[in-house]
Amino acid sequence: MIEVNGRQQYVVLANMTTVTTASFRERIEVAAAAGFDALGISLDTYRRVVAEEMSPKELQAVVVDNGLEIVELEAVFGFAVPTAETGVPFGGGLVYTSPDDLNEFWSMAELFGARHLQAVGAFDRTDLEPDVVERFASLCDRAADVGLQIALEFVPTTNIPDAGTALSIVEQSGRDNAGLCVDSWHHTRGANDLEMLRSIPSRRVTMIQINDGPKDPADPDFLVETLHHRAVPGTGDFDLDGFVDAVTEGGVTAPVSVEVISDELARLEPADAARRCYDGAIDALAGK
């Protein structure tokens, strides 16, 4: 764990961070060796691991044996899209989450004792569904039954593009387990408004994702750049000092998840990639 503004915070290796490994077991091992406290895992990754490598109980045992936890589940996409759109691809190999997918998330939460589940709005549209708050509140209620917090992530190309919109939905839901995922990538490539981040009550910051990138987009397609060109914290041009101060100044204790999706990182040995991600995040959080 790392101390940020006098508070202890978990450091998590996010599911989508490009640590190319021959197996998920190796990913667990290099994360532990690098210094991470915990892991994130997506539904797709979980299904692949169970199909190809080990049973759910074996997976949990390997995580524990390496001194880690799985605290982060990723992600519910389009939580308020019409039922007919669930299971439909929207780009980058991602699909909108179905009711069956949600049931599997609840099973994963109980198996791992996970802390939070990310949720994202709908891509390629600007309007919010009229029942978005009710749908979000319902998602939070179901998550509470298995001990999960819901971290609503704002993403510039969705109908929840910034922290202000996300916070409005969270606050209107009135749910204690409702909060925000605050990602330095989506902040910088989106509104890039530090005052908007400072307006988030500390109790509503459920998780922080940290990464870096070039000042100007490496690709004009937002989704392509997001899935291929992020950078290890401290190796890009983002104002991470301002980001960290704005998000944590109110006494936030949310886990910090290192999410670096990068073709460059993928070319490194897994142990080297994990170590660079951890060290970069620690330095960024310490203001170095």
Protein backbone atom coordinates (compact mmCIF):
# COMPACT_ATOMS: atom_id res chain seq x y z
CA MET A 1 0.00 0.00 0.00
CA ILE A 2 1.04 3.61 -0.51
CA GLU A 3 0.36 6.68 1.60
CA VAL A 4 -1.29 9.51 -0.33
CA ASN A 5 -2.06 12.73 1.56
CA GLY A 6 -1.73 10.82 4.81
CA ARG A 7 -4.06 7.98 3.76
CA GLN A 8 -3.18 4.37 2.93
CA GLN A 9 -4.34 3.23 -0.51
CA TYR A 10 -4.19 -0.10 -2.36
CA VAL A 11 -2.28 -0.19 -5.64
CA VAL A 12 -4.04 -2.43 -8.17
CA LEU A 13 -2.85 -3.92 -11.47
CA ALA A 14 -5.88 -3.28 -13.68
CA ASN A 15 -7.19 -6.05 -15.91
CA MET A 16 -6.53 -4.15 -19.14
CA THR A 17 -2.96 -3.13 -18.34
CA THR A 18 -0.83 -4.70 -21.05
CA VAL A 19 1.30 -7.16 -19.12
CA THR A 20 1.63 -9.85 -21.76
CA THR A 21 1.93 -13.24 -20.10
CA ALA A 22 1.82 -16.88 -21.09
CA SER A 23 -0.75 -17.49 -18.37
CA PHE A 24 -2.80 -15.64 -15.80
CA ARG A 25 -0.73 -17.39 -13.14
CA GLU A 26 2.32 -15.53 -14.45
CA ARG A 27 0.38 -12.27 -14.39
CA ILE A 28 -0.37 -12.89 -10.72
CA GLU A 29 3.27 -13.70 -9.98
CA VAL A 30 4.75 -10.66 -11.73
CA ALA A 31 2.19 -8.37 -10.11
CA ALA A 32 3.15 -9.64 -6.67
CA ALA A 33 6.88 -9.36 -7.43
CA ALA A 34 6.45 -5.78 -8.68
CA GLY A 35 4.77 -4.71 -5.43
CA PHE A 36 1.08 -4.55 -6.34
CA ASP A 37 -1.42 -5.21 -3.55
CA ALA A 38 -4.28 -6.44 -5.71
CA LEU A 39 -5.57 -7.26 -9.19
CA GLY A 40 -8.48 -6.37 -11.39
CA ILE A 41 -10.16 -8.92 -13.62
CA SER A 42 -12.73 -8.66 -16.39
CA LEU A 43 -15.50 -11.09 -17.18
CA ASP A 44 -13.82 -12.07 -20.46
CA THR A 45 -10.49 -12.72 -18.74
CA TYR A 46 -12.17 -14.75 -16.01
CA ARG A 47 -13.98 -16.90 -18.55
CA ARG A 48 -10.76 -17.52 -20.48
CA VAL A 49 -8.80 -18.45 -17.37
CA VAL A 50 -11.49 -20.87 -16.20
CA ALA A 51 -11.74 -22.44 -19.66
CA GLU A 52 -8.00 -22.77 -20.29
CA GLU A 53 -6.01 -22.65 -17.06
CA MET A 54 -7.65 -23.38 -13.73
CA SER A 55 -10.94 -23.63 -11.86
CA PRO A 56 -12.41 -20.61 -10.07
CA LYS A 57 -11.32 -21.95 -6.68
CA GLU A 58 -7.82 -22.67 -7.96
CA LEU A 59 -7.62 -19.14 -9.32
CA GLN A 60 -8.57 -17.66 -5.98
CA ALA A 61 -6.03 -19.90 -4.22
CA VAL A 62 -3.19 -18.79 -6.52
CA VAL A 63 -4.07 -15.15 -5.90
CA VAL A 64 -4.05 -15.62 -2.12
CA ASP A 65 -0.85 -17.72 -2.19
CA ASN A 66 0.90 -14.78 -3.85
CA GLY A 67 -0.27 -12.36 -1.19
CA LEU A 68 -2.73 -10.54 -3.45
CA GLU A 69 -6.46 -9.91 -3.63
CA ILE A 70 -8.87 -9.48 -6.53
CA VAL A 71 -10.65 -6.29 -5.55
CA GLU A 72 -11.75 -4.94 -8.93
CA LEU A 73 -14.25 -6.34 -11.44
CA GLU A 74 -14.50 -4.87 -14.95
CA ALA A 75 -16.90 -3.73 -16.35
CA VAL A 76 -20.64 -3.25 -16.92
CA PHE A 77 -20.98 -1.52 -20.31
CA GLY A 78 -24.15 0.37 -21.20
CA PHE A 79 -25.96 -0.31 -17.92
CA ALA A 80 -28.97 1.67 -19.14
CA VAL A 81 -29.12 0.69 -22.83
CA PRO A 82 -32.37 -0.90 -24.06
CA THR A 83 -32.59 -4.62 -23.40
CA ALA A 84 -32.39 -5.31 -27.14
CA GLU A 85 -28.87 -3.84 -27.20
CA THR A 86 -27.38 -6.03 -24.48
CA GLY A 87 -24.79 -8.39 -25.90
CA VAL A 88 -24.31 -6.11 -28.93
CA PRO A 89 -20.70 -5.12 -29.89
CA PHE A 90 -19.88 -1.42 -29.87
CA GLY A 91 -16.17 -1.43 -30.82
CA GLY A 92 -12.77 -2.64 -29.71
CA GLY A 93 -14.07 -6.16 -29.18
CA LEU A 94 -16.34 -4.92 -26.36
CA VAL A 95 -20.06 -5.63 -26.02
CA TYR A 96 -22.88 -4.24 -23.92
CA THR A 97 -23.42 -6.24 -20.75
CA SER A 98 -26.28 -8.74 -20.69
CA PRO A 99 -28.37 -9.95 -17.72
CA ASP A 100 -26.49 -13.27 -17.81
CA ASP A 101 -23.21 -11.35 -17.67
CA LEU A 102 -24.42 -9.51 -14.58
CA ASN A 103 -25.28 -12.77 -12.84
CA GLU A 104 -21.76 -13.99 -13.51
CA PHE A 105 -20.33 -10.79 -12.04
CA TRP A 106 -22.28 -11.41 -8.84
CA SER A 107 -20.84 -14.93 -8.64
CA MET A 108 -17.32 -13.56 -9.15
CA ALA A 109 -17.86 -10.99 -6.41
CA GLU A 110 -18.82 -13.69 -3.94
CA LEU A 111 -15.90 -15.94 -4.94
CA PHE A 112 -13.20 -13.29 -4.70
CA GLY A 113 -14.69 -10.97 -2.09
CA ALA A 114 -14.19 -8.16 -4.60
CA ARG A 115 -14.60 -4.55 -3.52
CA HIS A 116 -15.94 -2.74 -6.59
CA LEU A 117 -17.34 -3.17 -10.08
CA GLN A 118 -16.91 -0.56 -12.81
CA ALA A 119 -19.87 0.65 -14.86
CA VAL A 120 -19.75 2.66 -18.09
CA GLY A 121 -22.47 4.41 -20.08
CA ALA A 122 -23.38 3.90 -23.73
CA PHE A 123 -20.91 4.63 -26.53
CA ASP A 124 -21.54 6.70 -29.66
CA ARG A 125 -24.51 8.61 -28.27
CA THR A 126 -24.96 11.80 -26.29
CA ASP A 127 -28.41 11.50 -24.74
CA LEU A 128 -29.01 9.82 -21.40
CA GLU A 129 -31.89 7.38 -21.15
CA PRO A 130 -34.77 8.96 -19.17
CA ASP A 131 -34.57 6.23 -16.53
CA VAL A 132 -30.77 6.30 -16.19
CA VAL A 133 -30.82 7.18 -12.48
CA GLU A 134 -33.33 4.45 -11.68
CA ARG A 135 -31.35 1.91 -13.72
CA PHE A 136 -28.14 2.89 -11.95
CA ALA A 137 -29.79 2.70 -8.53
CA SER A 138 -31.08 -0.78 -9.38
CA LEU A 139 -27.57 -1.86 -10.40
CA CYS A 140 -26.25 -0.56 -7.08
CA ASP A 141 -28.94 -2.45 -5.15
CA ARG A 142 -28.04 -5.73 -6.84
CA ALA A 143 -24.35 -5.09 -6.24
CA ALA A 144 -24.96 -4.36 -2.55
CA ASP A 145 -26.41 -7.85 -2.16
CA VAL A 146 -22.93 -9.29 -2.87
CA GLY A 147 -20.98 -6.59 -1.05
CA LEU A 148 -19.90 -4.59 -4.11
CA GLN A 149 -19.53 -0.88 -4.67
CA ILE A 150 -20.33 0.44 -8.15
CA ALA A 151 -17.75 2.78 -9.70
CA LEU A 152 -19.37 4.79 -12.49
CA GLU A 153 -16.67 5.69 -15.03
CA PHE A 154 -17.02 8.78 -17.20
CA VAL A 155 -15.66 8.30 -20.74
CA PRO A 156 -15.55 11.16 -23.29
CA THR A 157 -17.19 9.24 -26.17
CA THR A 158 -20.12 7.99 -24.10
CA ASN A 159 -23.31 9.60 -22.85
CA ILE A 160 -21.57 10.00 -19.47
CA PRO A 161 -18.62 12.07 -20.75
CA ASP A 162 -17.36 13.85 -17.65
CA ALA A 163 -17.15 13.81 -13.88
CA GLY A 164 -20.01 16.27 -13.49
CA THR A 165 -22.48 14.08 -15.38
CA ALA A 166 -21.34 10.95 -13.55
CA LEU A 167 -21.55 12.63 -10.14
CA SER A 168 -25.09 13.84 -10.85
CA ILE A 169 -26.25 10.27 -11.57
CA VAL A 170 -24.47 8.91 -8.50
CA GLU A 171 -25.85 11.55 -6.16
CA GLN A 172 -29.39 11.26 -7.52
CA SER A 173 -29.30 7.48 -7.03
CA GLY A 174 -29.03 8.01 -3.28
CA ARG A 175 -27.14 4.74 -2.85
CA ASP A 176 -24.34 4.44 -0.32
CA ASN A 177 -22.41 2.00 -2.53
CA ALA A 178 -22.49 4.35 -5.54
CA GLY A 179 -19.36 6.21 -6.55
CA LEU A 180 -17.08 7.24 -9.40
CA CYS A 181 -14.14 5.73 -11.20
CA VAL A 182 -11.83 8.67 -11.91
CA ASP A 183 -9.39 7.82 -14.71
CA SER A 184 -6.55 10.18 -15.62
CA TRP A 185 -6.90 9.16 -19.29
CA HIS A 186 -10.58 10.01 -19.61
CA HIS A 187 -10.12 13.16 -17.54
CA THR A 188 -7.28 14.45 -19.73
CA ARG A 189 -8.74 13.38 -23.08
CA GLY A 190 -12.15 14.69 -22.00
CA ALA A 191 -13.15 17.80 -20.04
CA ASN A 192 -9.67 18.11 -18.46
CA ASP A 193 -11.24 20.21 -15.72
CA LEU A 194 -9.49 19.91 -12.33
CA GLU A 195 -12.20 21.93 -10.58
CA MET A 196 -14.74 19.36 -11.73
CA LEU A 197 -12.64 16.66 -10.06
CA ARG A 198 -12.32 18.70 -6.87
CA SER A 199 -16.11 18.95 -6.71
CA ILE A 200 -16.43 15.18 -6.18
CA PRO A 201 -17.04 14.42 -2.48
CA SER A 202 -14.31 12.12 -1.17
CA ARG A 203 -16.87 9.47 -0.20
CA ARG A 204 -17.95 9.27 -3.85
CA VAL A 205 -14.48 8.45 -5.22
CA THR A 206 -14.71 4.67 -5.38
CA MET A 207 -11.57 4.05 -7.43
CA ILE A 208 -8.81 5.99 -9.17
CA GLN A 209 -7.20 4.84 -12.42
CA ILE A 210 -3.83 6.27 -13.34
CA ASN A 211 -1.90 6.30 -16.60
CA ASP A 212 -0.17 8.81 -18.86
CA GLY A 213 -0.08 9.81 -22.49
CA PRO A 214 1.17 12.29 -25.08
CA LYS A 215 -0.09 15.86 -25.10
CA ASP A 216 -1.62 15.39 -28.55
CA PRO A 217 -3.56 12.18 -29.35
CA ALA A 218 -1.45 9.47 -30.98
CA ASP A 219 -4.45 8.45 -33.11
CA PRO A 220 -7.49 10.51 -34.17
CA ASP A 221 -9.79 7.62 -33.24
CA PHE A 222 -10.40 7.91 -29.49
CA LEU A 223 -11.09 4.21 -28.94
CA VAL A 224 -8.01 3.14 -30.92
CA GLU A 225 -5.78 5.48 -28.94
CA THR A 226 -7.38 4.40 -25.67
CA LEU A 227 -6.75 0.70 -26.36
CA HIS A 228 -3.23 1.00 -27.82
CA HIS A 229 -1.37 4.18 -26.87
CA ARG A 230 -1.52 4.85 -23.16
CA ALA A 231 1.75 5.34 -21.31
CA VAL A 232 3.24 4.38 -17.96
CA PRO A 233 2.71 7.15 -15.39
CA GLY A 234 5.55 9.65 -15.57
CA THR A 235 6.51 8.89 -19.18
CA GLY A 236 3.95 11.10 -20.91
CA ASP A 237 2.72 14.68 -20.85
CA PHE A 238 -0.34 14.48 -18.60
CA ASP A 239 -0.59 16.76 -15.56
CA LEU A 240 -0.57 13.87 -13.10
CA ASP A 241 0.47 16.09 -10.18
CA GLY A 242 -2.65 18.20 -10.69
CA PHE A 243 -4.80 15.13 -11.24
CA VAL A 244 -3.62 13.34 -8.07
CA ASP A 245 -3.96 16.46 -5.93
CA ALA A 246 -7.47 17.21 -7.22
CA VAL A 247 -8.76 13.69 -6.71
CA THR A 248 -7.18 12.93 -3.34
CA GLU A 249 -7.08 16.25 -1.48
CA GLY A 250 -10.33 15.53 0.38
CA GLY A 251 -8.95 12.48 2.18
CA VAL A 252 -9.79 9.87 -0.46
CA THR A 253 -8.76 6.31 0.43
CA ALA A 254 -9.95 4.59 -2.76
CA PRO A 255 -7.66 2.03 -4.42
CA VAL A 256 -5.42 3.28 -7.20
CA SER A 257 -5.66 1.07 -10.27
CA VAL A 258 -2.83 1.26 -12.81
CA GLU A 259 -4.38 0.96 -16.28
CA VAL A 260 -1.81 1.22 -19.08
CA ILE A 261 -3.11 -0.27 -22.32
CA SER A 262 -0.13 0.02 -24.63
CA ASP A 263 1.37 -1.71 -27.64
CA GLU A 264 4.78 -0.50 -26.49
CA LEU A 265 4.32 -2.03 -23.05
CA ALA A 266 3.24 -5.30 -24.63
CA ARG A 267 6.66 -5.70 -26.22
CA LEU A 268 8.37 -5.87 -22.82
CA GLU A 269 8.94 -8.92 -20.66
CA PRO A 270 5.99 -9.29 -18.26
CA ALA A 271 8.06 -8.73 -15.12
CA ASP A 272 9.61 -5.58 -16.60
CA ALA A 273 6.23 -4.24 -17.71
CA ALA A 274 4.67 -4.82 -14.29
CA ARG A 275 7.59 -3.22 -12.48
CA ARG A 276 7.55 -0.13 -14.72
CA CYS A 277 3.81 0.30 -14.15
CA TYR A 278 4.12 -0.03 -10.39
CA ASP A 279 7.15 2.24 -10.04
CA GLY A 280 5.64 4.86 -12.34
CA ALA A 281 2.39 4.90 -10.38
CA ILE A 282 4.15 5.12 -7.01
CA ASP A 283 6.26 8.06 -8.20
CA ALA A 284 3.21 9.82 -9.65
CA LEU A 285 1.25 9.37 -6.44
CA ALA A 286 4.19 10.67 -4.44
CA GLY A 287 4.48 13.73 -6.68
CA LYS A 288 7.90 12.78 -8.09
